[in-house]
C-alpha cells in the first residue's frame, strides 16, 4: 500500500480543474489560492484550509505568490493512516474548515522541517499521522464512548479491552466493533500505537536506555519494543534515537 505524502506546494495563477483517486488536505502557509468543489467556493488563505475527498472534482488557481502544506492520502490507507468515516462525511458536507492555533503551529513547523530537509522518512510519516489525527479530532470528534476509551489509552496506556469497554460503557463485543468502525483500528492496535508514540518521545527527549524505555512503555523487553517498531513503523528505536 502506498503511504501518505507530505509536501510543500505553490499554485500557478492559471485555473486547473481535475480529480484524483486520493484524499488531499491543503493547509495554507503563505498567500492564497481560490478553490471550488462542486458548489462550494472559498479562498484558501490564513486560517481557511481544505479537505478534498478522492474522486472529487475541484477547480483552483493561485492568487499571487502562495505556499501550502499538502497531505495526500491514498484511498486504500488503513491502520494508522485510516481516515474515519465520520471525517469523510464531515469533509464531504463542508470541505473548507478553519484551522485553530494548534494546526497553524503544526503548519509552521512542518514548513520549516520540509524546507530545511530535516525530516527523514520515518519522521515525515509520523508528522502525517499526527496531522490526520488532529484533523479527525477537530473536524469530526469521536463519539463520547470512544473518546473516553481513547483518553484511557493515551493517559494510562491501558490495553485490556475489558477496561476500555467499561470506560466506554459498552459490552466488550459492542465496544470492539464500534471502536474499529470509528477509528479504523482494533483497541489493541491503538494501544500499541500509543505506546510506540510515547517510546518515540522518550527516545528523542531523554537519556533513558532503550531497555528502560521498553519497560516504561509496557513492553516485555528491548527486543519486543524493537520488533513492534519494525512491524508498525518500519524503523527501530536505535535509528530513531540517532535521528
C-alpha atoms as a PDB file:
ATOM      1  CA  UNK A   1       0.000   0.000   0.000  1.00  0.00           C
ATOM      2  CA  UNK A   2       1.280   3.449  -0.881  1.00  0.00           C
ATOM      3  CA  UNK A   3       1.781   5.706   2.129  1.00  0.00           C
ATOM      4  CA  UNK A   4       0.603   9.310   2.533  1.00  0.00           C
ATOM      5  CA  UNK A   5       2.972  12.029   1.361  1.00  0.00           C
ATOM      6  CA  UNK A   6       3.507  15.427   2.969  1.00  0.00           C
ATOM      7  CA  UNK A   7       4.872  18.226   0.776  1.00  0.00           C
ATOM      8  CA  UNK A   8       5.121  21.982   0.219  1.00  0.00           C
ATOM      9  CA  UNK A   9       3.415  23.288  -2.930  1.00  0.00           C
ATOM     10  CA  UNK A  10       2.668  26.542  -4.728  1.00  0.00           C
ATOM     11  CA  UNK A  11      -0.199  27.003  -7.184  1.00  0.00           C
ATOM     12  CA  UNK A  12       0.065  28.840 -10.500  1.00  0.00           C
ATOM     13  CA  UNK A  13      -2.376  31.638 -11.447  1.00  0.00           C
ATOM     14  CA  UNK A  14      -3.798  29.508 -14.277  1.00  0.00           C
ATOM     15  CA  UNK A  15      -7.086  27.772 -13.381  1.00  0.00           C
ATOM     16  CA  UNK A  16      -6.948  23.969 -13.332  1.00  0.00           C
ATOM     17  CA  UNK A  17      -9.836  21.540 -12.847  1.00  0.00           C
ATOM     18  CA  UNK A  18      -9.244  17.877 -12.072  1.00  0.00           C
ATOM     19  CA  UNK A  19      -9.961  14.972  -9.735  1.00  0.00           C
ATOM     20  CA  UNK A  20      -7.599  12.374  -8.284  1.00  0.00           C
ATOM     21  CA  UNK A  21      -8.019   8.988  -6.660  1.00  0.00           C
ATOM     22  CA  UNK A  22      -6.537  10.002  -3.303  1.00  0.00           C
ATOM     23  CA  UNK A  23      -7.703  12.262  -0.494  1.00  0.00           C
ATOM     24  CA  UNK A  24      -5.950  15.602  -0.103  1.00  0.00           C
ATOM     25  CA  UNK A  25      -5.643  18.050   2.792  1.00  0.00           C
ATOM     26  CA  UNK A  26      -4.414  21.564   1.950  1.00  0.00           C
ATOM     27  CA  UNK A  27      -3.225  23.919   4.710  1.00  0.00           C
ATOM     28  CA  UNK A  28      -2.286  27.469   3.635  1.00  0.00           C
ATOM     29  CA  UNK A  29       1.081  28.739   4.842  1.00  0.00           C
ATOM     30  CA  UNK A  30       1.541  31.894   2.807  1.00  0.00           C
ATOM     31  CA  UNK A  31      -0.549  33.838   0.284  1.00  0.00           C
ATOM     32  CA  UNK A  32      -3.806  32.451  -1.100  1.00  0.00           C
ATOM     33  CA  UNK A  33      -5.435  30.435  -3.844  1.00  0.00           C
ATOM     34  CA  UNK A  34      -9.043  30.166  -4.965  1.00  0.00           C
ATOM     35  CA  UNK A  35     -10.753  26.779  -4.903  1.00  0.00           C
ATOM     36  CA  UNK A  36     -14.125  25.416  -5.959  1.00  0.00           C
ATOM     37  CA  UNK A  37     -15.508  21.987  -5.070  1.00  0.00           C
ATOM     38  CA  UNK A  38     -18.908  21.270  -6.577  1.00  0.00           C
ATOM     39  CA  UNK A  39     -20.885  24.331  -5.429  1.00  0.00           C
ATOM     40  CA  UNK A  40     -18.607  25.209  -2.533  1.00  0.00           C
ATOM     41  CA  UNK A  41     -16.205  28.076  -3.199  1.00  0.00           C
ATOM     42  CA  UNK A  42     -13.607  29.679  -0.957  1.00  0.00           C
ATOM     43  CA  UNK A  43     -10.226  31.330  -0.869  1.00  0.00           C
ATOM     44  CA  UNK A  44      -7.756  29.067   0.900  1.00  0.00           C
ATOM     45  CA  UNK A  45      -5.702  31.504   2.975  1.00  0.00           C
ATOM     46  CA  UNK A  46      -4.921  32.462   6.546  1.00  0.00           C
ATOM     47  CA  UNK A  47      -6.846  30.017   8.736  1.00  0.00           C
ATOM     48  CA  UNK A  48      -9.054  28.578   5.985  1.00  0.00           C
ATOM     49  CA  UNK A  49      -7.937  25.119   4.819  1.00  0.00           C
ATOM     50  CA  UNK A  50      -9.476  22.499   2.525  1.00  0.00           C
ATOM     51  CA  UNK A  51     -10.158  18.760   2.594  1.00  0.00           C
ATOM     52  CA  UNK A  52     -10.651  17.259  -0.874  1.00  0.00           C
ATOM     53  CA  UNK A  53     -12.068  13.739  -0.972  1.00  0.00           C
ATOM     54  CA  UNK A  54     -10.896  11.190  -3.534  1.00  0.00           C
ATOM     55  CA  UNK A  55     -12.536  11.478  -6.972  1.00  0.00           C
ATOM     56  CA  UNK A  56     -13.996  14.865  -6.099  1.00  0.00           C
ATOM     57  CA  UNK A  57     -13.622  17.326  -8.979  1.00  0.00           C
ATOM     58  CA  UNK A  58     -12.146  20.636  -7.876  1.00  0.00           C
ATOM     59  CA  UNK A  59     -11.009  23.779  -9.625  1.00  0.00           C
ATOM     60  CA  UNK A  60      -8.240  26.008  -8.294  1.00  0.00           C
ATOM     61  CA  UNK A  61      -5.715  28.724  -9.120  1.00  0.00           C
ATOM     62  CA  UNK A  62      -3.140  30.738  -7.216  1.00  0.00           C
ATOM     63  CA  UNK A  63      -3.699  34.356  -6.225  1.00  0.00           C
ATOM     64  CA  UNK A  64      -0.206  35.776  -6.384  1.00  0.00           C
ATOM     65  CA  UNK A  65       2.654  34.121  -4.521  1.00  0.00           C
ATOM     66  CA  UNK A  66       1.444  31.288  -2.312  1.00  0.00           C
ATOM     67  CA  UNK A  67       2.654  28.264  -0.390  1.00  0.00           C
ATOM     68  CA  UNK A  68       0.663  25.369   1.075  1.00  0.00           C
ATOM     69  CA  UNK A  69       1.306  22.264   3.129  1.00  0.00           C
ATOM     70  CA  UNK A  70      -0.334  19.371   1.278  1.00  0.00           C
ATOM     71  CA  UNK A  71      -1.029  15.874   2.607  1.00  0.00           C
ATOM     72  CA  UNK A  72      -2.017  13.255   0.009  1.00  0.00           C
ATOM     73  CA  UNK A  73      -3.638  10.142   1.490  1.00  0.00           C
ATOM     74  CA  UNK A  74      -4.250   7.013  -0.655  1.00  0.00           C
ATOM     75  CA  UNK A  75      -7.890   5.926  -0.599  1.00  0.00           C
ATOM     76  CA  UNK A  76      -6.834   2.417   0.461  1.00  0.00           C
ATOM     77  CA  UNK A  77      -4.962   3.710   3.520  1.00  0.00           C
ATOM     78  CA  UNK A  78      -5.568   1.618   6.627  1.00  0.00           C
ATOM     79  CA  UNK A  79      -4.338   1.178  10.176  1.00  0.00           C
ATOM     80  CA  UNK A  80      -2.592   4.303  11.443  1.00  0.00           C
ATOM     81  CA  UNK A  81      -3.287   6.000   8.094  1.00  0.00           C
ATOM     82  CA  UNK A  82      -7.017   5.264   8.030  1.00  0.00           C
ATOM     83  CA  UNK A  83      -9.406   8.218   7.798  1.00  0.00           C
ATOM     84  CA  UNK A  84     -12.548   7.693   9.916  1.00  0.00           C
ATOM     85  CA  UNK A  85     -15.828   7.550   8.026  1.00  0.00           C
ATOM     86  CA  UNK A  86     -17.171  10.376  10.176  1.00  0.00           C
ATOM     87  CA  UNK A  87     -14.299  12.572   8.952  1.00  0.00           C
ATOM     88  CA  UNK A  88     -15.051  11.733   5.329  1.00  0.00           C
ATOM     89  CA  UNK A  89     -18.712  12.635   5.863  1.00  0.00           C
ATOM     90  CA  UNK A  90     -17.747  15.925   7.506  1.00  0.00           C
ATOM     91  CA  UNK A  91     -15.357  16.771   4.652  1.00  0.00           C
ATOM     92  CA  UNK A  92     -17.975  15.958   2.018  1.00  0.00           C
ATOM     93  CA  UNK A  93     -20.501  18.248   3.709  1.00  0.00           C
ATOM     94  CA  UNK A  94     -18.052  21.077   4.458  1.00  0.00           C
ATOM     95  CA  UNK A  95     -14.741  20.794   2.561  1.00  0.00           C
ATOM     96  CA  UNK A  96     -13.428  24.118   3.860  1.00  0.00           C
ATOM     97  CA  UNK A  97     -12.606  24.445   7.549  1.00  0.00           C
ATOM     98  CA  UNK A  98     -10.931  26.874   9.946  1.00  0.00           C
ATOM     99  CA  UNK A  99      -7.554  25.994  11.437  1.00  0.00           C
ATOM    100  CA  UNK A 100      -7.040  26.595  15.130  1.00  0.00           C
ATOM    101  CA  UNK A 101      -3.800  27.746  16.760  1.00  0.00           C
ATOM    102  CA  UNK A 102      -2.543  24.185  17.063  1.00  0.00           C
ATOM    103  CA  UNK A 103      -2.866  23.499  13.335  1.00  0.00           C
ATOM    104  CA  UNK A 104      -1.296  26.857  12.498  1.00  0.00           C
ATOM    105  CA  UNK A 105       1.739  25.989  14.594  1.00  0.00           C
ATOM    106  CA  UNK A 106       1.857  22.493  13.128  1.00  0.00           C
ATOM    107  CA  UNK A 107       1.931  24.005   9.639  1.00  0.00           C
ATOM    108  CA  UNK A 108       4.706  26.415  10.601  1.00  0.00           C
ATOM    109  CA  UNK A 109       6.845  23.604  11.991  1.00  0.00           C
ATOM    110  CA  UNK A 110       6.218  21.302   9.014  1.00  0.00           C
ATOM    111  CA  UNK A 111       7.122  24.132   6.638  1.00  0.00           C
ATOM    112  CA  UNK A 112      10.456  24.648   8.359  1.00  0.00           C
ATOM    113  CA  UNK A 113      11.245  20.938   8.621  1.00  0.00           C
ATOM    114  CA  UNK A 114      10.363  20.132   4.995  1.00  0.00           C
ATOM    115  CA  UNK A 115      12.146  23.169   3.565  1.00  0.00           C
ATOM    116  CA  UNK A 116      15.232  22.519   5.682  1.00  0.00           C
ATOM    117  CA  UNK A 117      15.394  18.838   4.755  1.00  0.00           C
ATOM    118  CA  UNK A 118      15.383  17.954   8.452  1.00  0.00           C
ATOM    119  CA  UNK A 119      12.794  15.169   8.135  1.00  0.00           C
ATOM    120  CA  UNK A 120      13.735  11.589   7.351  1.00  0.00           C
ATOM    121  CA  UNK A 121      11.113   9.173   6.033  1.00  0.00           C
ATOM    122  CA  UNK A 122      10.071   7.945   9.476  1.00  0.00           C
ATOM    123  CA  UNK A 123       9.635  11.496  10.785  1.00  0.00           C
ATOM    124  CA  UNK A 124       7.613  12.514   7.717  1.00  0.00           C
ATOM    125  CA  UNK A 125       5.302   9.543   8.242  1.00  0.00           C
ATOM    126  CA  UNK A 126       4.872  10.437  11.916  1.00  0.00           C
ATOM    127  CA  UNK A 127       4.021  14.053  11.039  1.00  0.00           C
ATOM    128  CA  UNK A 128       1.448  12.811   8.530  1.00  0.00           C
ATOM    129  CA  UNK A 129      -0.177  10.617  11.177  1.00  0.00           C
ATOM    130  CA  UNK A 130      -0.272  13.485  13.665  1.00  0.00           C
ATOM    131  CA  UNK A 131      -1.938  15.751  11.122  1.00  0.00           C
ATOM    132  CA  UNK A 132      -4.564  13.141  10.264  1.00  0.00           C
ATOM    133  CA  UNK A 133      -5.374  12.528  13.932  1.00  0.00           C
ATOM    134  CA  UNK A 134      -5.562  16.255  14.603  1.00  0.00           C
ATOM    135  CA  UNK A 135      -7.971  16.764  11.709  1.00  0.00           C
ATOM    136  CA  UNK A 136     -10.178  13.890  12.820  1.00  0.00           C
ATOM    137  CA  UNK A 137     -10.440  15.361  16.326  1.00  0.00           C
ATOM    138  CA  UNK A 138     -11.217  18.872  15.063  1.00  0.00           C
ATOM    139  CA  UNK A 139     -13.473  18.222  12.068  1.00  0.00           C
ATOM    140  CA  UNK A 140     -15.341  15.187  13.369  1.00  0.00           C
ATOM    141  CA  UNK A 141     -14.739  14.381  17.057  1.00  0.00           C
ATOM    142  CA  UNK A 142     -15.171  10.756  18.099  1.00  0.00           C
ATOM    143  CA  UNK A 143     -18.435   9.860  19.864  1.00  0.00           C
ATOM    144  CA  UNK A 144     -18.175  10.222  23.633  1.00  0.00           C
ATOM    145  CA  UNK A 145     -17.831   6.483  24.464  1.00  0.00           C
ATOM    146  CA  UNK A 146     -14.903   6.010  22.088  1.00  0.00           C
ATOM    147  CA  UNK A 147     -13.336   9.303  23.173  1.00  0.00           C
ATOM    148  CA  UNK A 148     -13.362   8.068  26.787  1.00  0.00           C
ATOM    149  CA  UNK A 149     -11.613   4.859  25.772  1.00  0.00           C
ATOM    150  CA  UNK A 150      -9.045   6.739  23.693  1.00  0.00           C
ATOM    151  CA  UNK A 151      -8.322   9.016  26.650  1.00  0.00           C
ATOM    152  CA  UNK A 152      -7.677   5.962  28.829  1.00  0.00           C
ATOM    153  CA  UNK A 153      -5.301   4.574  26.206  1.00  0.00           C
ATOM    154  CA  UNK A 154      -3.445   7.876  25.846  1.00  0.00           C
ATOM    155  CA  UNK A 155      -3.116   8.654  29.552  1.00  0.00           C
ATOM    156  CA  UNK A 156      -2.776   5.230  31.150  1.00  0.00           C
ATOM    157  CA  UNK A 157      -1.610   3.045  28.266  1.00  0.00           C
ATOM    158  CA  UNK A 158      -4.423   0.627  29.112  1.00  0.00           C
ATOM    159  CA  UNK A 159      -4.629  -2.359  26.758  1.00  0.00           C
ATOM    160  CA  UNK A 160      -7.188  -4.619  28.450  1.00  0.00           C
ATOM    161  CA  UNK A 161     -10.275  -4.494  26.258  1.00  0.00           C
ATOM    162  CA  UNK A 162     -12.446  -5.159  29.306  1.00  0.00           C
ATOM    163  CA  UNK A 163     -11.200  -1.960  30.976  1.00  0.00           C
ATOM    164  CA  UNK A 164     -11.648   0.081  27.809  1.00  0.00           C
ATOM    165  CA  UNK A 165     -15.153  -1.279  27.232  1.00  0.00           C
ATOM    166  CA  UNK A 166     -16.059  -0.425  30.829  1.00  0.00           C
ATOM    167  CA  UNK A 167     -14.808   3.147  30.321  1.00  0.00           C
ATOM    168  CA  UNK A 168     -16.932   3.398  27.191  1.00  0.00           C
ATOM    169  CA  UNK A 169     -19.994   1.959  28.923  1.00  0.00           C
ATOM    170  CA  UNK A 170     -20.332  -0.842  26.361  1.00  0.00           C
ATOM    171  CA  UNK A 171     -20.102  -4.618  26.307  1.00  0.00           C
ATOM    172  CA  UNK A 172     -16.760  -5.990  25.109  1.00  0.00           C
ATOM    173  CA  UNK A 173     -18.156  -7.176  21.767  1.00  0.00           C
ATOM    174  CA  UNK A 174     -20.079  -3.946  21.115  1.00  0.00           C
ATOM    175  CA  UNK A 175     -17.068  -1.857  22.132  1.00  0.00           C
ATOM    176  CA  UNK A 176     -14.666  -3.746  19.874  1.00  0.00           C
ATOM    177  CA  UNK A 177     -16.965  -3.380  16.859  1.00  0.00           C
ATOM    178  CA  UNK A 178     -17.692   0.297  17.490  1.00  0.00           C
ATOM    179  CA  UNK A 179     -14.046   1.155  18.181  1.00  0.00           C
ATOM    180  CA  UNK A 180     -12.968  -0.451  14.902  1.00  0.00           C
ATOM    181  CA  UNK A 181     -15.736   1.338  12.976  1.00  0.00           C
ATOM    182  CA  UNK A 182     -14.846   4.748  14.428  1.00  0.00           C
ATOM    183  CA  UNK A 183     -11.044   4.579  14.407  1.00  0.00           C
ATOM    184  CA  UNK A 184     -10.128   2.005  11.764  1.00  0.00           C
ATOM    185  CA  UNK A 185      -8.014   0.083  14.285  1.00  0.00           C
ATOM    186  CA  UNK A 186      -8.592  -2.524  16.962  1.00  0.00           C
ATOM    187  CA  UNK A 187      -8.313  -1.390  20.595  1.00  0.00           C
ATOM    188  CA  UNK A 188      -5.088  -3.379  20.947  1.00  0.00           C
ATOM    189  CA  UNK A 189      -3.545  -1.797  17.836  1.00  0.00           C
ATOM    190  CA  UNK A 190      -4.479   1.687  19.078  1.00  0.00           C
ATOM    191  CA  UNK A 191      -2.907   0.947  22.461  1.00  0.00           C
ATOM    192  CA  UNK A 192       0.311  -0.290  20.837  1.00  0.00           C
ATOM    193  CA  UNK A 193       0.462   2.832  18.662  1.00  0.00           C
ATOM    194  CA  UNK A 194       0.062   4.976  21.797  1.00  0.00           C
ATOM    195  CA  UNK A 195       2.896   3.076  23.499  1.00  0.00           C
ATOM    196  CA  UNK A 196       5.139   3.500  20.463  1.00  0.00           C
ATOM    197  CA  UNK A 197       4.371   7.228  20.319  1.00  0.00           C
ATOM    198  CA  UNK A 198       5.397   7.548  23.979  1.00  0.00           C
ATOM    199  CA  UNK A 199       8.521   5.464  23.351  1.00  0.00           C
ATOM    200  CA  UNK A 200       9.488   7.696  20.441  1.00  0.00           C
ATOM    201  CA  UNK A 201       9.102  10.811  22.589  1.00  0.00           C
ATOM    202  CA  UNK A 202      11.324   9.277  25.269  1.00  0.00           C
ATOM    203  CA  UNK A 203      13.930   8.212  22.712  1.00  0.00           C
ATOM    204  CA  UNK A 204      14.185  11.746  21.388  1.00  0.00           C
ATOM    205  CA  UNK A 205      13.900  13.730  24.615  1.00  0.00           C
ATOM    206  CA  UNK A 206      15.545  11.645  27.370  1.00  0.00           C
ATOM    207  CA  UNK A 207      18.781   9.776  28.038  1.00  0.00           C
ATOM    208  CA  UNK A 208      16.972   6.622  29.185  1.00  0.00           C
ATOM    209  CA  UNK A 209      18.338   3.416  27.695  1.00  0.00           C
ATOM    210  CA  UNK A 210      16.223   1.586  25.134  1.00  0.00           C
ATOM    211  CA  UNK A 211      15.689  -1.217  27.653  1.00  0.00           C
ATOM    212  CA  UNK A 212      14.440   1.295  30.240  1.00  0.00           C
ATOM    213  CA  UNK A 213      12.113   2.869  27.681  1.00  0.00           C
ATOM    214  CA  UNK A 214      10.756  -0.570  26.782  1.00  0.00           C
ATOM    215  CA  UNK A 215       9.908  -1.157  30.455  1.00  0.00           C
ATOM    216  CA  UNK A 216       8.458   2.360  30.834  1.00  0.00           C
ATOM    217  CA  UNK A 217       6.108   1.870  27.869  1.00  0.00           C
ATOM    218  CA  UNK A 218       4.843  -1.596  28.778  1.00  0.00           C
ATOM    219  CA  UNK A 219       6.932  -3.837  26.518  1.00  0.00           C
ATOM    220  CA  UNK A 220       8.422  -7.000  27.991  1.00  0.00           C
ATOM    221  CA  UNK A 221      11.959  -6.143  26.892  1.00  0.00           C
ATOM    222  CA  UNK A 222      14.041  -4.189  24.375  1.00  0.00           C
ATOM    223  CA  UNK A 223      13.595  -6.869  21.706  1.00  0.00           C
ATOM    224  CA  UNK A 224       9.801  -6.658  21.961  1.00  0.00           C
ATOM    225  CA  UNK A 225       9.935  -2.876  21.556  1.00  0.00           C
ATOM    226  CA  UNK A 226      12.237  -3.186  18.541  1.00  0.00           C
ATOM    227  CA  UNK A 227      10.009  -5.796  16.886  1.00  0.00           C
ATOM    228  CA  UNK A 228       6.966  -3.599  17.378  1.00  0.00           C
ATOM    229  CA  UNK A 229       8.697  -0.545  15.890  1.00  0.00           C
ATOM    230  CA  UNK A 230       9.855  -2.584  12.877  1.00  0.00           C
ATOM    231  CA  UNK A 231       6.422  -4.096  12.292  1.00  0.00           C
ATOM    232  CA  UNK A 232       4.329  -0.956  12.752  1.00  0.00           C
ATOM    233  CA  UNK A 233       6.692   1.925  11.866  1.00  0.00           C
ATOM    234  CA  UNK A 234       9.302   0.338   9.595  1.00  0.00           C
ATOM    235  CA  UNK A 235      12.134   1.614  11.796  1.00  0.00           C
ATOM    236  CA  UNK A 236      13.977   0.766  15.029  1.00  0.00           C
ATOM    237  CA  UNK A 237      14.491   2.514  18.379  1.00  0.00           C
ATOM    238  CA  UNK A 238      18.201   2.899  17.635  1.00  0.00           C
ATOM    239  CA  UNK A 239      17.539   4.586  14.312  1.00  0.00           C
ATOM    240  CA  UNK A 240      15.030   6.974  15.882  1.00  0.00           C
ATOM    241  CA  UNK A 241      17.465   7.885  18.650  1.00  0.00           C
ATOM    242  CA  UNK A 242      20.246   8.591  16.156  1.00  0.00           C
ATOM    243  CA  UNK A 243      17.868  10.784  14.118  1.00  0.00           C
END
